[in-house]
Amino acid sequence: MRLLIIGTLNGQLTTATKMAMDKGAKVIHAENIIKAMHIVRSGKGADLAMVDVGLNIKQLIDSLESEHIHIPVVACGVKNDAAAAVAAIKAGAKEYIPLPPDAELIAAIIAAVSEESHRMISKDIAMERVVELAKQVAPSQASILITGESGTGKEVMAQYIHQKSKRKDKPFISINCAAIPEHLIESELFGHEKGAFTGAIARRIGKFEEADGGTLLLDEISEMDIRLQAKLLRVVQERMVDRVGGTKPIPVDIRIIATSNRDLPQAVRDGIFREDLLFRLNVVNLKLPALRERPADIALLAEHFIKKYSEMNGINVKPLELKALKCLQQGAWKGNVRELENTIHRAVLLCTDDEITEQNLRTPEGYKIGEHENQNPATRAALTAEAASSALIGQTVAEVEQGLILKTLGHCLGNRTHAANILGISIRTLRNKLKLYGDSGAEIPPPNAGESMPRPYM
């Protein structure tokens, strides 16, 4: 994991730096925001920025956004600096970390951002066959295409291959081709020169150059515009990059891994994907089985996610009751491992007994796993709406919203970050709502030990 430290905070960030390096992070230090921007433009990159709260965090975030550089920012300051913490969150910082730093907190942040536990969790023979093939081809230089349904773990497999390759000590750079607007993806991939287009205020190194010596993951490659595929084909073939607005090609040494949840041969027939690019990327194809095709892994994965989210939320690890396990094993899991992970995360937060029960595994609408899966979407939606609305009659919209937010926060043991994730709102919106409810006399669940921002900052 690449960590960018900005500022010094009277030496306390230096201590945090040492802790991060002890946990395996690669740390780059910048004295101020100007130097930090120079670093990220130059291709050194960062997965997370920890910033002295005394610096102009709004300037940093505005600069990153204006140049379409996506790096999460965490503000750091002394514990009693509540005003600075609130200002940092309002400016757009993801979290606030009180200093002096705690080694376990630093480790948790690094684990959450880097997710460096890239081991493949499996014992089902269907998945083990794919893992064995991945081990076999990982040391090679061949391009690899990883296919499978959404949620099967394609990016995790890509990281696993990188860790097993000869490039494991070099960068692993990922770009989601579906998440970046069409008019920006060329600059994101290949970089640009100063003045190449409106807003190009400085030279920017693209993902291909950033990954030099390492691995570049082109996630959801099927979503890339076919016009850009021609330029990508040249890079794949010749390992030469042309920056937007540049005058000479730049050599790059990379290993390319691509993923897709689409049928790419069909996309070729439909005229939306280049056949020659498919041949170049598909030297080795790893097709990940859906979770329903690897049933022996369900219990193993559930146990892993229970441990992961219990530790993350400061909750004692609780076992699955037998009935709950059978319920998991009977599910269709259309969302695959991602759906299972979300189900377990929610169950860990909701469980108040000594075991995780079938009741804890129910969907947010109150359904059992697999219930109504065979019904058509219209019928399922009608049943969901009927069940949800029957308990809400007579309440105002504001009352319903307040009740939902406070109940979710209570289930999350006061953890604002996880409640916001479940509710699908930003942490800033949640904090504003809680302040409003508190001012009107409502009882607000206090943050638990897992909340990164102390209560006075609320």
Protein backbone atom coordinates (compact mmCIF):
# COMPACT_ATOMS: atom_id res chain seq x y z
CA MET A 1 0.00 0.00 0.00
CA ARG A 2 1.30 3.44 -0.99
CA LEU A 3 0.82 6.05 1.72
CA LEU A 4 1.38 9.77 1.13
CA ILE A 5 2.11 11.76 4.30
CA ILE A 6 1.60 15.53 3.94
CA GLY A 7 2.95 17.86 6.64
CA THR A 8 4.66 17.10 9.95
CA LEU A 9 2.27 18.04 12.81
CA ASN A 10 5.23 18.74 15.10
CA GLY A 11 6.78 15.37 14.39
CA GLN A 12 3.72 13.28 15.26
CA LEU A 13 3.12 12.33 11.63
CA THR A 14 6.69 11.06 11.57
CA THR A 15 5.69 8.58 14.28
CA ALA A 16 2.64 7.57 12.22
CA THR A 17 4.94 7.13 9.22
CA LYS A 18 7.18 4.70 11.12
CA MET A 19 4.14 2.71 12.27
CA ALA A 20 2.82 2.52 8.72
CA MET A 21 6.19 1.34 7.38
CA ASP A 22 6.33 -1.32 10.10
CA LYS A 23 2.98 -2.60 8.74
CA GLY A 24 4.44 -2.88 5.24
CA ALA A 25 3.24 0.38 3.72
CA LYS A 26 5.43 2.24 1.23
CA VAL A 27 5.52 5.82 2.45
CA ILE A 28 6.24 9.05 0.56
CA HIS A 29 6.48 12.33 2.46
CA ALA A 30 5.60 15.81 1.21
CA GLU A 31 6.18 18.94 3.27
CA ASN A 32 3.19 20.78 1.85
CA ILE A 33 0.27 20.53 -0.56
CA ILE A 34 2.17 21.93 -3.56
CA LYS A 35 4.86 19.26 -3.23
CA ALA A 36 2.18 16.60 -2.65
CA MET A 37 0.46 17.50 -5.92
CA HIS A 38 3.80 17.32 -7.72
CA ILE A 39 4.30 13.79 -6.35
CA VAL A 40 0.90 12.45 -7.45
CA ARG A 41 1.21 14.04 -10.90
CA SER A 42 4.66 12.52 -11.38
CA GLY A 43 3.33 8.95 -11.36
CA LYS A 44 4.55 7.93 -7.92
CA GLY A 45 0.90 7.78 -6.90
CA ALA A 46 -0.74 7.00 -3.57
CA ASP A 47 -3.55 4.82 -2.26
CA LEU A 48 -4.16 7.07 0.75
CA ALA A 49 -3.10 10.55 1.88
CA MET A 50 -2.70 11.36 5.59
CA VAL A 51 -2.63 15.13 6.00
CA ASP A 52 -1.73 17.51 8.82
CA VAL A 53 -5.06 19.06 9.78
CA GLY A 54 -3.34 22.44 10.01
CA LEU A 55 -2.78 22.50 6.25
CA ASN A 56 -5.37 23.73 3.76
CA ILE A 57 -7.23 20.45 3.22
CA LYS A 58 -9.89 22.08 1.04
CA GLN A 59 -7.14 23.31 -1.31
CA LEU A 60 -5.73 19.78 -1.53
CA ILE A 61 -9.09 18.13 -2.22
CA ASP A 62 -10.10 20.79 -4.75
CA SER A 63 -6.75 20.35 -6.53
CA LEU A 64 -7.17 16.56 -6.67
CA GLU A 65 -10.73 16.83 -7.95
CA SER A 66 -9.89 19.47 -10.57
CA GLU A 67 -7.22 17.16 -12.02
CA HIS A 68 -9.38 14.02 -11.64
CA ILE A 69 -6.94 12.34 -9.26
CA HIS A 70 -8.72 9.91 -6.97
CA ILE A 71 -6.97 9.55 -3.60
CA PRO A 72 -8.86 9.28 -0.28
CA VAL A 73 -7.75 11.93 2.21
CA VAL A 74 -7.57 11.42 5.98
CA ALA A 75 -6.89 14.38 8.25
CA CYS A 76 -4.66 14.00 11.32
CA GLY A 77 -4.53 16.28 14.35
CA VAL A 78 -4.26 16.40 18.13
CA LYS A 79 -7.12 14.88 20.09
CA ASN A 80 -8.45 18.14 21.53
CA ASP A 81 -8.57 20.00 18.21
CA ALA A 82 -12.32 19.54 17.65
CA ALA A 83 -12.81 22.64 15.48
CA ALA A 84 -10.05 21.60 13.08
CA ALA A 85 -11.52 18.09 12.86
CA VAL A 86 -14.96 19.39 11.93
CA ALA A 87 -13.44 21.77 9.36
CA ALA A 88 -11.46 18.92 7.78
CA ILE A 89 -14.56 16.72 7.41
CA LYS A 90 -16.52 19.64 5.93
CA ALA A 91 -13.66 20.24 3.49
CA GLY A 92 -14.04 16.68 2.20
CA ALA A 93 -11.67 14.54 4.29
CA LYS A 94 -12.94 10.96 4.61
CA GLU A 95 -12.01 10.63 8.27
CA TYR A 96 -10.19 12.36 11.11
CA ILE A 97 -7.50 10.53 13.08
CA PRO A 98 -6.55 11.84 16.51
CA LEU A 99 -2.85 11.91 17.38
CA PRO A 100 -0.57 10.77 19.00
CA PRO A 101 -1.16 7.81 16.70
CA ASP A 102 -2.28 4.41 17.90
CA ALA A 103 -0.49 1.49 16.25
CA GLU A 104 -3.67 -0.60 15.96
CA LEU A 105 -5.56 2.30 14.38
CA ILE A 106 -2.82 2.86 11.82
CA ALA A 107 -2.82 -0.87 11.04
CA ALA A 108 -6.62 -0.86 10.65
CA ILE A 109 -6.52 2.07 8.25
CA ILE A 110 -3.84 0.47 6.13
CA ALA A 111 -5.71 -2.85 6.06
CA ALA A 112 -8.98 -1.12 5.11
CA VAL A 113 -7.41 0.83 2.25
CA SER A 114 -4.91 -1.65 0.90
CA GLU A 115 -6.77 -4.91 1.71
CA GLU A 116 -3.44 -6.65 1.49
CA SER A 117 -4.82 -10.02 2.58
CA HIS A 118 -4.80 -11.18 -1.03
CA ARG A 119 -4.92 -14.89 -0.27
CA MET A 120 -7.66 -16.76 -2.07
CA ILE A 121 -10.15 -18.22 0.38
CA SER A 122 -11.41 -21.44 -1.12
CA LYS A 123 -11.54 -25.20 -0.79
CA ASP A 124 -14.22 -26.04 -3.35
CA ILE A 125 -12.72 -27.98 -6.23
CA ALA A 126 -14.33 -25.68 -8.82
CA MET A 127 -12.46 -22.69 -7.42
CA GLU A 128 -9.30 -24.58 -6.57
CA ARG A 129 -8.84 -25.49 -10.24
CA VAL A 130 -8.83 -21.80 -11.13
CA VAL A 131 -6.46 -20.95 -8.27
CA GLU A 132 -4.02 -23.63 -9.39
CA LEU A 133 -4.04 -22.29 -12.94
CA ALA A 134 -3.49 -18.76 -11.59
CA LYS A 135 -0.46 -19.97 -9.60
CA GLN A 136 0.93 -21.65 -12.71
CA VAL A 137 0.70 -18.58 -14.97
CA ALA A 138 1.44 -15.87 -12.37
CA PRO A 139 5.26 -15.93 -12.82
CA SER A 140 4.94 -15.46 -16.59
CA GLN A 141 4.66 -12.16 -18.46
CA ALA A 142 1.48 -13.18 -20.28
CA SER A 143 -1.57 -10.94 -20.34
CA ILE A 144 -4.47 -12.48 -18.44
CA LEU A 145 -8.21 -12.04 -18.87
CA ILE A 146 -10.30 -12.78 -15.78
CA THR A 147 -14.00 -13.32 -16.46
CA GLY A 148 -16.98 -14.10 -14.27
CA GLU A 149 -20.19 -12.66 -12.90
CA SER A 150 -20.20 -9.47 -10.84
CA GLY A 151 -19.08 -10.14 -7.29
CA THR A 152 -17.08 -13.31 -7.94
CA GLY A 153 -13.77 -11.72 -6.89
CA LYS A 154 -12.08 -10.82 -10.16
CA GLU A 155 -10.05 -7.96 -8.69
CA VAL A 156 -9.01 -10.11 -5.72
CA MET A 157 -7.78 -12.73 -8.19
CA ALA A 158 -5.81 -10.06 -10.08
CA GLN A 159 -4.12 -8.96 -6.85
CA TYR A 160 -3.38 -12.58 -6.02
CA ILE A 161 -1.69 -13.09 -9.40
CA HIS A 162 0.39 -9.95 -8.87
CA GLN A 163 1.51 -11.15 -5.43
CA LYS A 164 2.56 -14.50 -6.94
CA SER A 165 4.41 -12.88 -9.86
CA LYS A 166 7.98 -11.68 -10.27
CA ARG A 167 6.60 -8.14 -10.14
CA LYS A 168 5.17 -8.39 -6.60
CA ASP A 169 7.55 -5.72 -5.25
CA LYS A 170 6.50 -3.29 -7.97
CA PRO A 171 3.26 -1.30 -8.25
CA PHE A 172 -0.15 -2.88 -8.69
CA ILE A 173 -2.29 -0.20 -10.34
CA SER A 174 -6.01 -0.62 -10.98
CA ILE A 175 -8.34 1.46 -13.11
CA ASN A 176 -12.07 0.84 -13.43
CA CYS A 177 -12.92 1.48 -17.06
CA ALA A 178 -16.63 1.71 -16.24
CA ALA A 179 -16.28 4.28 -13.46
CA ILE A 180 -14.40 7.02 -15.34
CA PRO A 181 -16.20 9.30 -17.82
CA GLU A 182 -15.40 8.57 -21.46
CA HIS A 183 -13.77 11.98 -22.04
CA LEU A 184 -11.36 11.46 -19.12
CA ILE A 185 -10.30 7.84 -19.41
CA GLU A 186 -7.69 8.48 -22.13
CA SER A 187 -5.90 10.98 -19.88
CA GLU A 188 -6.26 8.59 -16.89
CA LEU A 189 -4.66 5.73 -18.82
CA PHE A 190 -2.02 7.48 -20.88
CA GLY A 191 -1.45 10.78 -19.03
CA HIS A 192 -1.27 14.23 -20.56
CA GLU A 193 1.05 17.15 -21.07
CA LYS A 194 0.48 20.62 -19.68
CA GLY A 195 -1.99 22.53 -21.84
CA ALA A 196 -3.13 19.43 -23.76
CA PHE A 197 -6.75 20.38 -23.05
CA THR A 198 -8.74 22.75 -20.87
CA GLY A 199 -7.90 22.04 -17.25
CA ALA A 200 -4.55 20.36 -17.98
CA ILE A 201 -2.62 22.75 -15.74
CA ALA A 202 0.41 20.49 -15.38
CA ARG A 203 1.90 17.29 -16.79
CA ARG A 204 0.09 14.22 -15.47
CA ILE A 205 1.51 10.71 -15.53
CA GLY A 206 -1.11 8.12 -16.56
CA LYS A 207 -1.81 4.69 -15.11
CA PHE A 208 0.37 2.89 -17.67
CA GLU A 209 3.45 4.87 -16.63
CA GLU A 210 2.49 4.68 -12.96
CA ALA A 211 2.44 0.87 -13.24
CA ASP A 212 5.86 0.74 -14.93
CA GLY A 213 7.69 -2.38 -13.74
CA GLY A 214 4.54 -3.76 -12.17
CA THR A 215 0.98 -4.82 -13.03
CA LEU A 216 -1.87 -2.80 -14.53
CA LEU A 217 -5.42 -4.03 -13.94
CA LEU A 218 -7.96 -2.86 -16.52
CA ASP A 219 -11.14 -3.56 -14.58
CA GLU A 220 -14.34 -4.00 -16.63
CA ILE A 221 -12.43 -3.61 -19.90
CA SER A 222 -15.62 -4.33 -21.85
CA GLU A 223 -16.96 -0.89 -20.88
CA MET A 224 -14.19 0.97 -22.72
CA ASP A 225 -15.27 2.94 -25.80
CA ILE A 226 -14.29 1.12 -28.98
CA ARG A 227 -12.46 4.19 -30.33
CA LEU A 228 -10.10 4.15 -27.37
CA GLN A 229 -9.57 0.41 -27.76
CA ALA A 230 -7.42 1.08 -30.85
CA LYS A 231 -4.98 3.18 -28.85
CA LEU A 232 -5.00 0.61 -26.06
CA LEU A 233 -4.19 -2.14 -28.60
CA ARG A 234 -1.04 -0.28 -29.65
CA VAL A 235 0.14 0.02 -26.07
CA VAL A 236 -0.56 -3.67 -25.40
CA GLN A 237 1.35 -4.68 -28.53
CA GLU A 238 4.29 -2.28 -28.40
CA ARG A 239 4.47 -1.32 -24.71
CA MET A 240 4.73 2.33 -25.76
CA VAL A 241 2.50 5.11 -24.40
CA ASP A 242 1.58 8.40 -26.07
CA ARG A 243 0.51 11.03 -23.55
CA VAL A 244 -2.37 13.26 -24.62
CA GLY A 245 -0.67 16.29 -26.16
CA GLY A 246 2.70 14.54 -26.15
CA THR A 247 5.22 14.49 -29.00
CA LYS A 248 7.07 11.23 -28.44
CA PRO A 249 6.16 7.73 -27.27
CA ILE A 250 7.27 6.55 -23.83
CA PRO A 251 8.29 2.90 -23.21
CA VAL A 252 6.60 1.06 -20.34
CA ASP A 253 7.33 -2.34 -18.79
CA ILE A 254 4.03 -3.70 -17.50
CA ARG A 255 2.04 -6.86 -17.11
CA ILE A 256 -1.61 -6.37 -18.10
CA ILE A 257 -4.56 -8.08 -16.43
CA ALA A 258 -8.08 -7.31 -17.62
CA THR A 259 -11.45 -8.28 -16.18
CA SER A 260 -14.95 -8.45 -17.59
CA ASN A 261 -18.36 -9.70 -16.49
CA ARG A 262 -19.57 -9.67 -20.08
CA ASP A 263 -19.37 -12.29 -22.83
CA LEU A 264 -16.52 -10.68 -24.78
CA PRO A 265 -16.79 -12.93 -27.88
CA GLN A 266 -20.42 -11.82 -28.07
CA ALA A 267 -19.32 -8.19 -27.63
CA VAL A 268 -16.98 -8.72 -30.60
CA ARG A 269 -19.88 -10.06 -32.68
CA ASP A 270 -21.98 -7.06 -31.61
CA GLY A 271 -19.25 -4.71 -32.85
CA ILE A 272 -18.55 -3.08 -29.47
CA PHE A 273 -15.23 -4.79 -28.72
CA ARG A 274 -12.22 -5.23 -30.99
CA GLU A 275 -11.40 -8.82 -31.83
CA ASP A 276 -7.67 -8.11 -32.14
CA LEU A 277 -7.63 -6.55 -28.66
CA LEU A 278 -9.44 -9.58 -27.25
CA PHE A 279 -6.78 -11.87 -28.75
CA ARG A 280 -4.01 -9.76 -27.17
CA LEU A 281 -5.58 -9.70 -23.72
CA ASN A 282 -6.88 -13.26 -23.67
CA VAL A 283 -3.55 -15.11 -23.69
CA VAL A 284 -4.75 -16.88 -20.54
CA ASN A 285 -8.39 -16.87 -19.48
CA LEU A 286 -9.34 -17.43 -15.85
CA LYS A 287 -13.10 -17.92 -15.54
CA LEU A 288 -14.19 -17.57 -11.93
CA PRO A 289 -17.13 -19.76 -10.94
CA ALA A 290 -20.20 -18.17 -9.41
CA LEU A 291 -20.61 -18.70 -5.66
CA ARG A 292 -23.53 -21.07 -6.25
CA GLU A 293 -21.11 -23.23 -8.28
CA ARG A 294 -18.65 -23.47 -5.35
CA PRO A 295 -20.95 -24.34 -2.40
CA ALA A 296 -18.13 -25.78 -0.29
CA ASP A 297 -16.68 -22.27 0.02
CA ILE A 298 -19.77 -20.63 1.53
CA ALA A 299 -19.09 -21.63 5.14
CA LEU A 300 -15.39 -20.83 4.78
CA LEU A 301 -16.09 -17.36 3.38
CA ALA A 302 -18.78 -16.66 5.95
CA GLU A 303 -16.35 -17.48 8.78
CA HIS A 304 -13.73 -15.19 7.20
CA PHE A 305 -16.16 -12.25 6.89
CA ILE A 306 -17.48 -12.73 10.42
CA LYS A 307 -13.95 -12.44 11.78
CA LYS A 308 -13.10 -9.50 9.50
CA TYR A 309 -16.12 -7.35 10.36
CA SER A 310 -16.20 -8.27 14.03
CA GLU A 311 -12.61 -7.07 14.41
CA MET A 312 -13.29 -3.98 12.28
CA ASN A 313 -16.22 -2.95 14.50
CA GLY A 314 -14.73 -3.92 17.84
CA ILE A 315 -17.27 -6.73 18.35
CA ASN A 316 -16.62 -10.17 19.82
CA VAL A 317 -16.48 -12.86 17.13
CA LYS A 318 -19.67 -14.93 17.27
CA PRO A 319 -20.30 -18.29 15.59
CA LEU A 320 -23.05 -19.02 13.08
CA GLU A 321 -25.86 -21.13 14.42
CA LEU A 322 -26.46 -24.32 12.42
CA LYS A 323 -29.79 -23.11 11.05
CA ALA A 324 -28.16 -19.88 9.84
CA LEU A 325 -25.36 -21.81 8.12
CA LYS A 326 -27.86 -24.02 6.30
CA CYS A 327 -29.70 -20.87 5.26
CA LEU A 328 -26.49 -19.48 3.74
CA GLN A 329 -25.75 -22.70 1.92
CA GLN A 330 -29.22 -22.79 0.36
CA GLY A 331 -29.02 -19.23 -1.04
CA ALA A 332 -28.76 -18.56 -4.79
CA TRP A 333 -26.30 -15.65 -4.25
CA LYS A 334 -26.96 -13.76 -7.45
CA GLY A 335 -24.52 -11.12 -6.15
CA ASN A 336 -21.95 -13.85 -5.45
CA VAL A 337 -19.18 -13.29 -2.87
CA ARG A 338 -19.90 -9.56 -2.66
CA GLU A 339 -23.53 -10.27 -1.71
CA LEU A 340 -22.43 -12.85 0.87
CA GLU A 341 -19.94 -10.38 2.32
CA ASN A 342 -22.57 -7.65 2.65
CA THR A 343 -25.01 -10.12 4.25
CA ILE A 344 -22.44 -11.21 6.84
CA HIS A 345 -21.36 -7.61 7.53
CA ARG A 346 -24.97 -6.67 8.24
CA ALA A 347 -25.50 -9.79 10.39
CA VAL A 348 -22.42 -9.03 12.51
CA LEU A 349 -23.77 -5.54 13.20
CA LEU A 350 -27.31 -6.70 13.95
CA CYS A 351 -26.53 -9.72 16.13
CA THR A 352 -27.33 -9.22 19.83
CA ASP A 353 -27.21 -12.90 20.87
CA ASP A 354 -24.33 -15.29 21.46
CA GLU A 355 -24.70 -16.69 17.94
CA ILE A 356 -25.51 -15.20 14.55
CA THR A 357 -29.01 -16.42 13.78
CA GLU A 358 -31.09 -16.84 10.65
CA GLN A 359 -32.99 -13.71 11.70
CA ASN A 360 -29.78 -11.68 11.53
CA LEU A 361 -29.25 -12.85 7.93
CA ARG A 362 -32.51 -11.45 6.62
CA THR A 363 -32.43 -8.84 3.86
CA PRO A 364 -33.00 -5.14 4.68
CA GLU A 365 -36.63 -5.72 3.58
CA GLY A 366 -36.99 -8.50 6.16
CA TYR A 367 -36.89 -11.45 3.77
CA LYS A 368 -35.07 -14.71 4.37
CA ILE A 369 -32.16 -15.48 2.08
CA GLY A 370 -33.58 -16.80 -1.17
CA GLU A 371 -37.16 -15.87 -0.30
CA HIS A 372 -39.11 -14.64 -3.37
CA GLU A 373 -36.07 -15.29 -5.63
CA ASN A 374 -38.24 -17.15 -8.12
CA GLN A 375 -40.82 -14.39 -8.35
CA ASN A 376 -40.63 -11.86 -11.14
CA PRO A 377 -39.18 -8.44 -10.21
CA ALA A 378 -42.54 -6.66 -10.31
CA THR A 379 -44.14 -9.09 -7.84
CA ARG A 380 -41.10 -8.98 -5.57
CA ALA A 381 -41.09 -5.19 -5.60
CA ALA A 382 -44.80 -5.06 -4.75
CA LEU A 383 -44.35 -7.40 -1.79
CA THR A 384 -41.40 -5.41 -0.52
CA ALA A 385 -43.29 -2.13 -0.80
CA GLU A 386 -46.33 -3.58 0.97
CA ALA A 387 -44.26 -4.96 3.86
CA ALA A 388 -42.33 -1.74 4.28
CA SER A 389 -45.25 0.66 4.02
CA SER A 390 -47.64 -1.13 6.41
CA ALA A 391 -45.56 -0.11 9.42
CA LEU A 392 -45.13 3.50 8.28
CA ILE A 393 -48.73 4.63 7.90
CA GLY A 394 -49.43 7.77 9.93
CA GLN A 395 -45.83 8.99 10.05
CA THR A 396 -44.34 11.95 8.21
CA VAL A 397 -41.45 11.47 5.80
CA ALA A 398 -39.13 13.27 8.21
CA GLU A 399 -40.20 10.97 11.07
CA VAL A 400 -39.62 7.87 8.97
CA GLU A 401 -36.18 9.09 7.93
CA GLN A 402 -35.20 9.93 11.51
CA GLY A 403 -36.37 6.55 12.77
CA LEU A 404 -34.46 4.68 10.06
CA ILE A 405 -31.24 6.62 10.67
CA LEU A 406 -31.33 6.26 14.46
CA LYS A 407 -32.22 2.54 14.32
CA THR A 408 -29.43 1.85 11.85
CA LEU A 409 -26.97 3.80 14.00
CA GLY A 410 -28.07 1.82 17.04
CA HIS A 411 -27.55 -1.48 15.22
CA CYS A 412 -24.06 -0.26 14.27
CA LEU A 413 -23.30 0.39 17.95
CA GLY A 414 -22.95 4.10 17.23
CA ASN A 415 -20.38 3.70 14.47
CA ARG A 416 -21.12 6.62 12.12
CA THR A 417 -19.01 5.34 9.24
CA HIS A 418 -20.69 1.93 9.00
CA ALA A 419 -24.18 3.38 9.52
CA ALA A 420 -23.59 5.79 6.62
CA ASN A 421 -22.43 2.89 4.42
CA ILE A 422 -25.56 0.86 5.20
CA LEU A 423 -27.85 3.88 4.67
CA GLY A 424 -26.15 4.79 1.41
CA ILE A 425 -25.41 8.39 2.44
CA SER A 426 -22.19 10.30 3.03
CA ILE A 427 -20.70 10.53 6.52
CA ARG A 428 -21.12 14.30 6.28
CA THR A 429 -24.86 14.00 5.57
CA LEU A 430 -25.25 11.58 8.48
CA ARG A 431 -23.46 13.92 10.89
CA ASN A 432 -25.62 16.85 9.78
CA LYS A 433 -28.79 14.79 10.33
CA LEU A 434 -27.63 13.67 13.79
CA LYS A 435 -26.86 17.24 14.82
CA LEU A 436 -30.37 18.25 13.74
CA TYR A 437 -31.94 15.36 15.70
CA GLY A 438 -29.81 16.09 18.76
CA ASP A 439 -30.79 19.77 18.73
CA SER A 440 -34.46 18.73 18.71
CA GLY A 441 -33.97 16.57 21.81
CA ALA A 442 -33.62 13.11 20.26
CA GLU A 443 -31.29 10.64 21.98
CA ILE A 444 -28.31 9.99 19.70
CA PRO A 445 -26.38 6.70 20.14
CA PRO A 446 -22.81 7.62 21.15
CA PRO A 447 -19.88 6.42 19.03
CA ASN A 448 -18.36 3.11 20.07
CA ALA A 449 -14.66 2.29 20.33
CA GLY A 450 -14.55 1.56 16.61
CA GLU A 451 -15.57 5.11 15.63
CA SER A 452 -12.56 6.97 14.37
CA MET A 453 -13.90 10.39 15.32
CA PRO A 454 -14.38 11.10 19.06
CA ARG A 455 -17.82 12.16 20.25
CA PRO A 456 -17.02 15.86 20.93
CA TYR A 457 -16.39 16.28 17.20
CA MET A 458 -19.97 15.31 16.39
